[in-house]
């Protein structure tokens, strides 16, 4: 199953207007090659950095928002 991802933005290029051509964020590869075993259903977020989204960082929350008993 492919994880749902949230692409946050071009964090590295905030406030700069030097790059008139923006990267199409819908075409970024969102494949996660290796994942650990999760205790709960994971929640994913993808942060892309740079004008061409050349740097990518995955954030994964395991058990976000769940009550502990």
PDB file of N, CA and C in Angstrom:
ATOM      1  N   UNK A   1       0.840  -1.182   0.000  1.00  0.00           N
ATOM      2  CA  UNK A   1       0.000   0.000   0.000  1.00  0.00           C
ATOM      3  C   UNK A   1       0.879   1.237   0.000  1.00  0.00           C
ATOM      4  N   UNK A   2       0.586   2.150  -0.894  1.00  0.00           N
ATOM      5  CA  UNK A   2       1.355   3.386  -0.956  1.00  0.00           C
ATOM      6  C   UNK A   2       0.867   4.341   0.106  1.00  0.00           C
ATOM      7  N   UNK A   3       1.772   4.981   0.834  1.00  0.00           N
ATOM      8  CA  UNK A   3       1.355   5.924   1.867  1.00  0.00           C
ATOM      9  C   UNK A   3       0.850   7.218   1.250  1.00  0.00           C
ATOM     10  N   UNK A   4      -0.117   7.783   1.909  1.00  0.00           N
ATOM     11  CA  UNK A   4      -0.597   9.111   1.501  1.00  0.00           C
ATOM     12  C   UNK A   4       0.413  10.124   1.989  1.00  0.00           C
ATOM     13  N   UNK A   5       0.748  11.071   1.160  1.00  0.00           N
ATOM     14  CA  UNK A   5       1.781  12.040   1.525  1.00  0.00           C
ATOM     15  C   UNK A   5       1.253  13.457   1.406  1.00  0.00           C
ATOM     16  N   UNK A   6       1.796  14.298   2.222  1.00  0.00           N
ATOM     17  CA  UNK A   6       1.479  15.717   2.162  1.00  0.00           C
ATOM     18  C   UNK A   6       2.764  16.430   1.765  1.00  0.00           C
ATOM     19  N   UNK A   7       2.747  17.069   0.639  1.00  0.00           N
ATOM     20  CA  UNK A   7       3.916  17.824   0.205  1.00  0.00           C
ATOM     21  C   UNK A   7       3.751  19.225   0.745  1.00  0.00           C
ATOM     22  N   UNK A   8       4.643  19.619   1.627  1.00  0.00           N
ATOM     23  CA  UNK A   8       4.477  20.875   2.333  1.00  0.00           C
ATOM     24  C   UNK A   8       4.798  22.100   1.491  1.00  0.00           C
ATOM     25  N   UNK A   9       5.974  22.140   0.845  1.00  0.00           N
ATOM     26  CA  UNK A   9       6.284  23.306   0.031  1.00  0.00           C
ATOM     27  C   UNK A   9       7.754  23.298  -0.341  1.00  0.00           C
ATOM     28  N   UNK A  10       8.135  24.312  -1.088  1.00  0.00           N
ATOM     29  CA  UNK A  10       9.546  24.533  -1.403  1.00  0.00           C
ATOM     30  C   UNK A  10      10.148  25.304  -0.241  1.00  0.00           C
ATOM     31  N   UNK A  11      10.458  24.635   0.840  1.00  0.00           N
ATOM     32  CA  UNK A  11      10.916  25.303   2.051  1.00  0.00           C
ATOM     33  C   UNK A  11      12.191  26.095   1.796  1.00  0.00           C
ATOM     34  N   UNK A  12      13.101  25.554   1.030  1.00  0.00           N
ATOM     35  CA  UNK A  12      14.377  26.220   0.780  1.00  0.00           C
ATOM     36  C   UNK A  12      14.279  27.455  -0.083  1.00  0.00           C
ATOM     37  N   UNK A  13      13.183  27.637  -0.797  1.00  0.00           N
ATOM     38  CA  UNK A  13      13.092  28.789  -1.684  1.00  0.00           C
ATOM     39  C   UNK A  13      12.037  29.799  -1.243  1.00  0.00           C
ATOM     40  N   UNK A  14      11.642  29.772   0.016  1.00  0.00           N
ATOM     41  CA  UNK A  14      10.650  30.729   0.500  1.00  0.00           C
ATOM     42  C   UNK A  14      11.188  32.150   0.397  1.00  0.00           C
ATOM     43  N   UNK A  15      10.378  33.034  -0.124  1.00  0.00           N
ATOM     44  CA  UNK A  15      10.767  34.432  -0.196  1.00  0.00           C
ATOM     45  C   UNK A  15      11.656  34.778  -1.364  1.00  0.00           C
ATOM     46  N   UNK A  16      12.010  33.815  -2.201  1.00  0.00           N
ATOM     47  CA  UNK A  16      12.867  34.102  -3.345  1.00  0.00           C
ATOM     48  C   UNK A  16      12.039  34.041  -4.622  1.00  0.00           C
ATOM     49  N   UNK A  17      12.184  35.051  -5.463  1.00  0.00           N
ATOM     50  CA  UNK A  17      11.454  35.069  -6.723  1.00  0.00           C
ATOM     51  C   UNK A  17      12.382  34.848  -7.906  1.00  0.00           C
ATOM     52  N   UNK A  18      13.583  34.333  -7.670  1.00  0.00           N
ATOM     53  CA  UNK A  18      14.557  34.141  -8.737  1.00  0.00           C
ATOM     54  C   UNK A  18      14.225  32.966  -9.647  1.00  0.00           C
ATOM     55  N   UNK A  19      13.384  32.061  -9.198  1.00  0.00           N
ATOM     56  CA  UNK A  19      13.080  30.855  -9.955  1.00  0.00           C
ATOM     57  C   UNK A  19      11.625  30.911 -10.440  1.00  0.00           C
ATOM     58  N   UNK A  20      11.406  31.516 -11.612  1.00  0.00           N
ATOM     59  CA  UNK A  20      10.026  31.665 -12.070  1.00  0.00           C
ATOM     60  C   UNK A  20       9.349  30.332 -12.390  1.00  0.00           C
ATOM     61  N   UNK A  21      10.129  29.319 -12.784  1.00  0.00           N
ATOM     62  CA  UNK A  21       9.559  28.011 -13.071  1.00  0.00           C
ATOM     63  C   UNK A  21       9.517  27.191 -11.802  1.00  0.00           C
ATOM     64  N   UNK A  22       8.334  26.807 -11.376  1.00  0.00           N
ATOM     65  CA  UNK A  22       8.209  26.010 -10.175  1.00  0.00           C
ATOM     66  C   UNK A  22       8.121  24.538 -10.543  1.00  0.00           C
ATOM     67  N   UNK A  23       8.604  23.696  -9.656  1.00  0.00           N
ATOM     68  CA  UNK A  23       8.544  22.262  -9.849  1.00  0.00           C
ATOM     69  C   UNK A  23       7.109  21.787  -9.646  1.00  0.00           C
ATOM     70  N   UNK A  24       6.676  20.867 -10.501  1.00  0.00           N
ATOM     71  CA  UNK A  24       5.344  20.285 -10.360  1.00  0.00           C
ATOM     72  C   UNK A  24       5.400  19.260  -9.230  1.00  0.00           C
ATOM     73  N   UNK A  25       4.867  19.623  -8.074  1.00  0.00           N
ATOM     74  CA  UNK A  25       4.966  18.772  -6.892  1.00  0.00           C
ATOM     75  C   UNK A  25       4.145  17.499  -7.011  1.00  0.00           C
ATOM     76  N   UNK A  26       3.227  17.442  -7.952  1.00  0.00           N
ATOM     77  CA  UNK A  26       2.445  16.210  -8.135  1.00  0.00           C
ATOM     78  C   UNK A  26       3.251  15.112  -8.821  1.00  0.00           C
ATOM     79  N   UNK A  27       4.399  15.455  -9.395  1.00  0.00           N
ATOM     80  CA  UNK A  27       5.213  14.479 -10.115  1.00  0.00           C
ATOM     81  C   UNK A  27       6.409  13.971  -9.311  1.00  0.00           C
ATOM     82  N   UNK A  28       6.504  14.336  -8.046  1.00  0.00           N
ATOM     83  CA  UNK A  28       7.620  13.900  -7.206  1.00  0.00           C
ATOM     84  C   UNK A  28       7.435  12.430  -6.842  1.00  0.00           C
ATOM     85  N   UNK A  29       8.518  11.655  -6.941  1.00  0.00           N
ATOM     86  CA  UNK A  29       8.481  10.243  -6.557  1.00  0.00           C
ATOM     87  C   UNK A  29       8.276  10.146  -5.045  1.00  0.00           C
ATOM     88  N   UNK A  30       7.252   9.418  -4.627  1.00  0.00           N
ATOM     89  CA  UNK A  30       6.933   9.288  -3.204  1.00  0.00           C
ATOM     90  C   UNK A  30       7.185   7.876  -2.693  1.00  0.00           C
ATOM     91  N   UNK A  31       8.064   7.163  -3.330  1.00  0.00           N
ATOM     92  CA  UNK A  31       8.358   5.802  -2.924  1.00  0.00           C
ATOM     93  C   UNK A  31       9.199   5.795  -1.651  1.00  0.00           C
ATOM     94  N   UNK A  32       8.769   5.009  -0.666  1.00  0.00           N
ATOM     95  CA  UNK A  32       9.563   4.800   0.540  1.00  0.00           C
ATOM     96  C   UNK A  32      10.186   3.414   0.383  1.00  0.00           C
ATOM     97  N   UNK A  33      11.503   3.365   0.319  1.00  0.00           N
ATOM     98  CA  UNK A  33      12.203   2.122   0.002  1.00  0.00           C
ATOM     99  C   UNK A  33      12.157   1.127   1.158  1.00  0.00           C
ATOM    100  N   UNK A  34      12.464   1.585   2.358  1.00  0.00           N
ATOM    101  CA  UNK A  34      12.525   0.677   3.498  1.00  0.00           C
ATOM    102  C   UNK A  34      11.811   1.313   4.685  1.00  0.00           C
ATOM    103  N   UNK A  35      10.897   0.566   5.288  1.00  0.00           N
ATOM    104  CA  UNK A  35      10.150   1.068   6.441  1.00  0.00           C
ATOM    105  C   UNK A  35      10.265   0.083   7.603  1.00  0.00           C
ATOM    106  N   UNK A  36      10.260   0.592   8.827  1.00  0.00           N
ATOM    107  CA  UNK A  36      10.253  -0.300   9.984  1.00  0.00           C
ATOM    108  C   UNK A  36       8.855  -0.875  10.205  1.00  0.00           C
ATOM    109  N   UNK A  37       8.738  -1.789  11.139  1.00  0.00           N
ATOM    110  CA  UNK A  37       7.426  -2.290  11.528  1.00  0.00           C
ATOM    111  C   UNK A  37       6.823  -1.262  12.478  1.00  0.00           C
ATOM    112  N   UNK A  38       5.603  -0.841  12.177  1.00  0.00           N
ATOM    113  CA  UNK A  38       4.947   0.173  12.990  1.00  0.00           C
ATOM    114  C   UNK A  38       4.045  -0.473  14.033  1.00  0.00           C
ATOM    115  N   UNK A  39       3.884   0.197  15.164  1.00  0.00           N
ATOM    116  CA  UNK A  39       2.984  -0.277  16.216  1.00  0.00           C
ATOM    117  C   UNK A  39       1.533   0.106  15.932  1.00  0.00           C
ATOM    118  N   UNK A  40       1.340   1.205  15.213  1.00  0.00           N
ATOM    119  CA  UNK A  40       0.013   1.717  14.882  1.00  0.00           C
ATOM    120  C   UNK A  40       0.018   2.096  13.406  1.00  0.00           C
ATOM    121  N   UNK A  41      -1.122   2.540  12.916  1.00  0.00           N
ATOM    122  CA  UNK A  41      -1.173   3.007  11.537  1.00  0.00           C
ATOM    123  C   UNK A  41      -0.336   4.280  11.412  1.00  0.00           C
ATOM    124  N   UNK A  42       0.635   4.302  10.504  1.00  0.00           N
ATOM    125  CA  UNK A  42       1.501   5.472  10.376  1.00  0.00           C
ATOM    126  C   UNK A  42       0.831   6.609   9.599  1.00  0.00           C
ATOM    127  N   UNK A  43       1.253   7.824   9.917  1.00  0.00           N
ATOM    128  CA  UNK A  43       0.849   9.021   9.199  1.00  0.00           C
ATOM    129  C   UNK A  43       2.104   9.599   8.564  1.00  0.00           C
ATOM    130  N   UNK A  44       2.010   9.994   7.293  1.00  0.00           N
ATOM    131  CA  UNK A  44       3.172  10.429   6.541  1.00  0.00           C
ATOM    132  C   UNK A  44       3.073  11.888   6.148  1.00  0.00           C
ATOM    133  N   UNK A  45       4.246  12.542   6.053  1.00  0.00           N
ATOM    134  CA  UNK A  45       4.357  13.884   5.483  1.00  0.00           C
ATOM    135  C   UNK A  45       5.689  13.944   4.752  1.00  0.00           C
ATOM    136  N   UNK A  46       5.682  14.559   3.588  1.00  0.00           N
ATOM    137  CA  UNK A  46       6.902  14.710   2.803  1.00  0.00           C
ATOM    138  C   UNK A  46       7.230  16.188   2.710  1.00  0.00           C
ATOM    139  N   UNK A  47       8.447  16.542   3.090  1.00  0.00           N
ATOM    140  CA  UNK A  47       8.933  17.917   2.974  1.00  0.00           C
ATOM    141  C   UNK A  47       9.927  17.937   1.819  1.00  0.00           C
ATOM    142  N   UNK A  48       9.735  18.846   0.880  1.00  0.00           N
ATOM    143  CA  UNK A  48      10.691  19.007  -0.217  1.00  0.00           C
ATOM    144  C   UNK A  48      11.401  20.346  -0.039  1.00  0.00           C
ATOM    145  N   UNK A  49      12.695  20.346  -0.339  1.00  0.00           N
ATOM    146  CA  UNK A  49      13.526  21.527  -0.117  1.00  0.00           C
ATOM    147  C   UNK A  49      14.258  21.873  -1.410  1.00  0.00           C
ATOM    148  N   UNK A  50      14.274  23.141  -1.738  1.00  0.00           N
ATOM    149  CA  UNK A  50      14.988  23.614  -2.910  1.00  0.00           C
ATOM    150  C   UNK A  50      14.048  23.978  -4.043  1.00  0.00           C
ATOM    151  N   UNK A  51      14.525  24.800  -4.966  1.00  0.00           N
ATOM    152  CA  UNK A  51      13.684  25.254  -6.068  1.00  0.00           C
ATOM    153  C   UNK A  51      13.239  24.133  -6.996  1.00  0.00           C
ATOM    154  N   UNK A  52      13.993  23.048  -7.052  1.00  0.00           N
ATOM    155  CA  UNK A  52      13.621  21.907  -7.883  1.00  0.00           C
ATOM    156  C   UNK A  52      13.245  20.698  -7.031  1.00  0.00           C
ATOM    157  N   UNK A  53      13.017  20.915  -5.767  1.00  0.00           N
ATOM    158  CA  UNK A  53      12.636  19.852  -4.821  1.00  0.00           C
ATOM    159  C   UNK A  53      13.659  18.720  -4.825  1.00  0.00           C
ATOM    160  N   UNK A  54      14.932  19.072  -4.902  1.00  0.00           N
ATOM    161  CA  UNK A  54      15.978  18.050  -4.981  1.00  0.00           C
ATOM    162  C   UNK A  54      16.260  17.363  -3.642  1.00  0.00           C
ATOM    163  N   UNK A  55      15.926  17.979  -2.549  1.00  0.00           N
ATOM    164  CA  UNK A  55      16.086  17.366  -1.226  1.00  0.00           C
ATOM    165  C   UNK A  55      14.706  16.997  -0.696  1.00  0.00           C
ATOM    166  N   UNK A  56      14.577  15.770  -0.187  1.00  0.00           N
ATOM    167  CA  UNK A  56      13.285  15.301   0.327  1.00  0.00           C
ATOM    168  C   UNK A  56      13.473  14.672   1.693  1.00  0.00           C
ATOM    169  N   UNK A  57      12.552  14.985   2.591  1.00  0.00           N
ATOM    170  CA  UNK A  57      12.597  14.432   3.946  1.00  0.00           C
ATOM    171  C   UNK A  57      11.215  13.880   4.271  1.00  0.00           C
ATOM    172  N   UNK A  58      11.168  12.609   4.657  1.00  0.00           N
ATOM    173  CA  UNK A  58       9.906  11.992   5.078  1.00  0.00           C
ATOM    174  C   UNK A  58       9.768  12.128   6.585  1.00  0.00           C
ATOM    175  N   UNK A  59       8.581  12.511   7.036  1.00  0.00           N
ATOM    176  CA  UNK A  59       8.235  12.512   8.454  1.00  0.00           C
ATOM    177  C   UNK A  59       7.157  11.453   8.629  1.00  0.00           C
ATOM    178  N   UNK A  60       7.355  10.562   9.594  1.00  0.00           N
ATOM    179  CA  UNK A  60       6.383   9.495   9.827  1.00  0.00           C
ATOM    180  C   UNK A  60       6.008   9.491  11.295  1.00  0.00           C
ATOM    181  N   UNK A  61       4.711   9.560  11.553  1.00  0.00           N
ATOM    182  CA  UNK A  61       4.212   9.488  12.927  1.00  0.00           C
ATOM    183  C   UNK A  61       3.570   8.136  13.153  1.00  0.00           C
ATOM    184  N   UNK A  62       3.985   7.448  14.166  1.00  0.00           N
ATOM    185  CA  UNK A  62       3.448   6.124  14.495  1.00  0.00           C
ATOM    186  C   UNK A  62       2.584   6.262  15.746  1.00  0.00           C
ATOM    187  N   UNK A  63       1.287   6.231  15.560  1.00  0.00           N
ATOM    188  CA  UNK A  63       0.376   6.355  16.698  1.00  0.00           C
ATOM    189  C   UNK A  63       0.032   7.789  17.029  1.00  0.00           C
ATOM    190  N   UNK A  64       0.119   8.678  16.068  1.00  0.00           N
ATOM    191  CA  UNK A  64      -0.226  10.079  16.298  1.00  0.00           C
ATOM    192  C   UNK A  64      -1.685  10.223  16.682  1.00  0.00           C
ATOM    193  N   UNK A  65      -1.934  10.925  17.744  1.00  0.00           N
ATOM    194  CA  UNK A  65      -3.305  11.216  18.148  1.00  0.00           C
ATOM    195  C   UNK A  65      -4.046  10.064  18.777  1.00  0.00           C
ATOM    196  N   UNK A  66      -3.350   9.015  19.157  1.00  0.00           N
ATOM    197  CA  UNK A  66      -4.036   7.888  19.790  1.00  0.00           C
ATOM    198  C   UNK A  66      -3.914   7.993  21.301  1.00  0.00           C
ATOM    199  N   UNK A  67      -4.955   7.619  21.991  1.00  0.00           N
ATOM    200  CA  UNK A  67      -4.946   7.646  23.458  1.00  0.00           C
ATOM    201  C   UNK A  67      -4.214   6.421  24.001  1.00  0.00           C
ATOM    202  N   UNK A  68      -3.416   6.641  24.980  1.00  0.00           N
ATOM    203  CA  UNK A  68      -2.685   5.526  25.633  1.00  0.00           C
ATOM    204  C   UNK A  68      -3.512   5.012  26.803  1.00  0.00           C
ATOM    205  N   UNK A  69      -3.598   3.712  26.893  1.00  0.00           N
ATOM    206  CA  UNK A  69      -4.368   3.127  27.989  1.00  0.00           C
ATOM    207  C   UNK A  69      -3.455   2.451  28.988  1.00  0.00           C
TER     208      UNK A  69
END
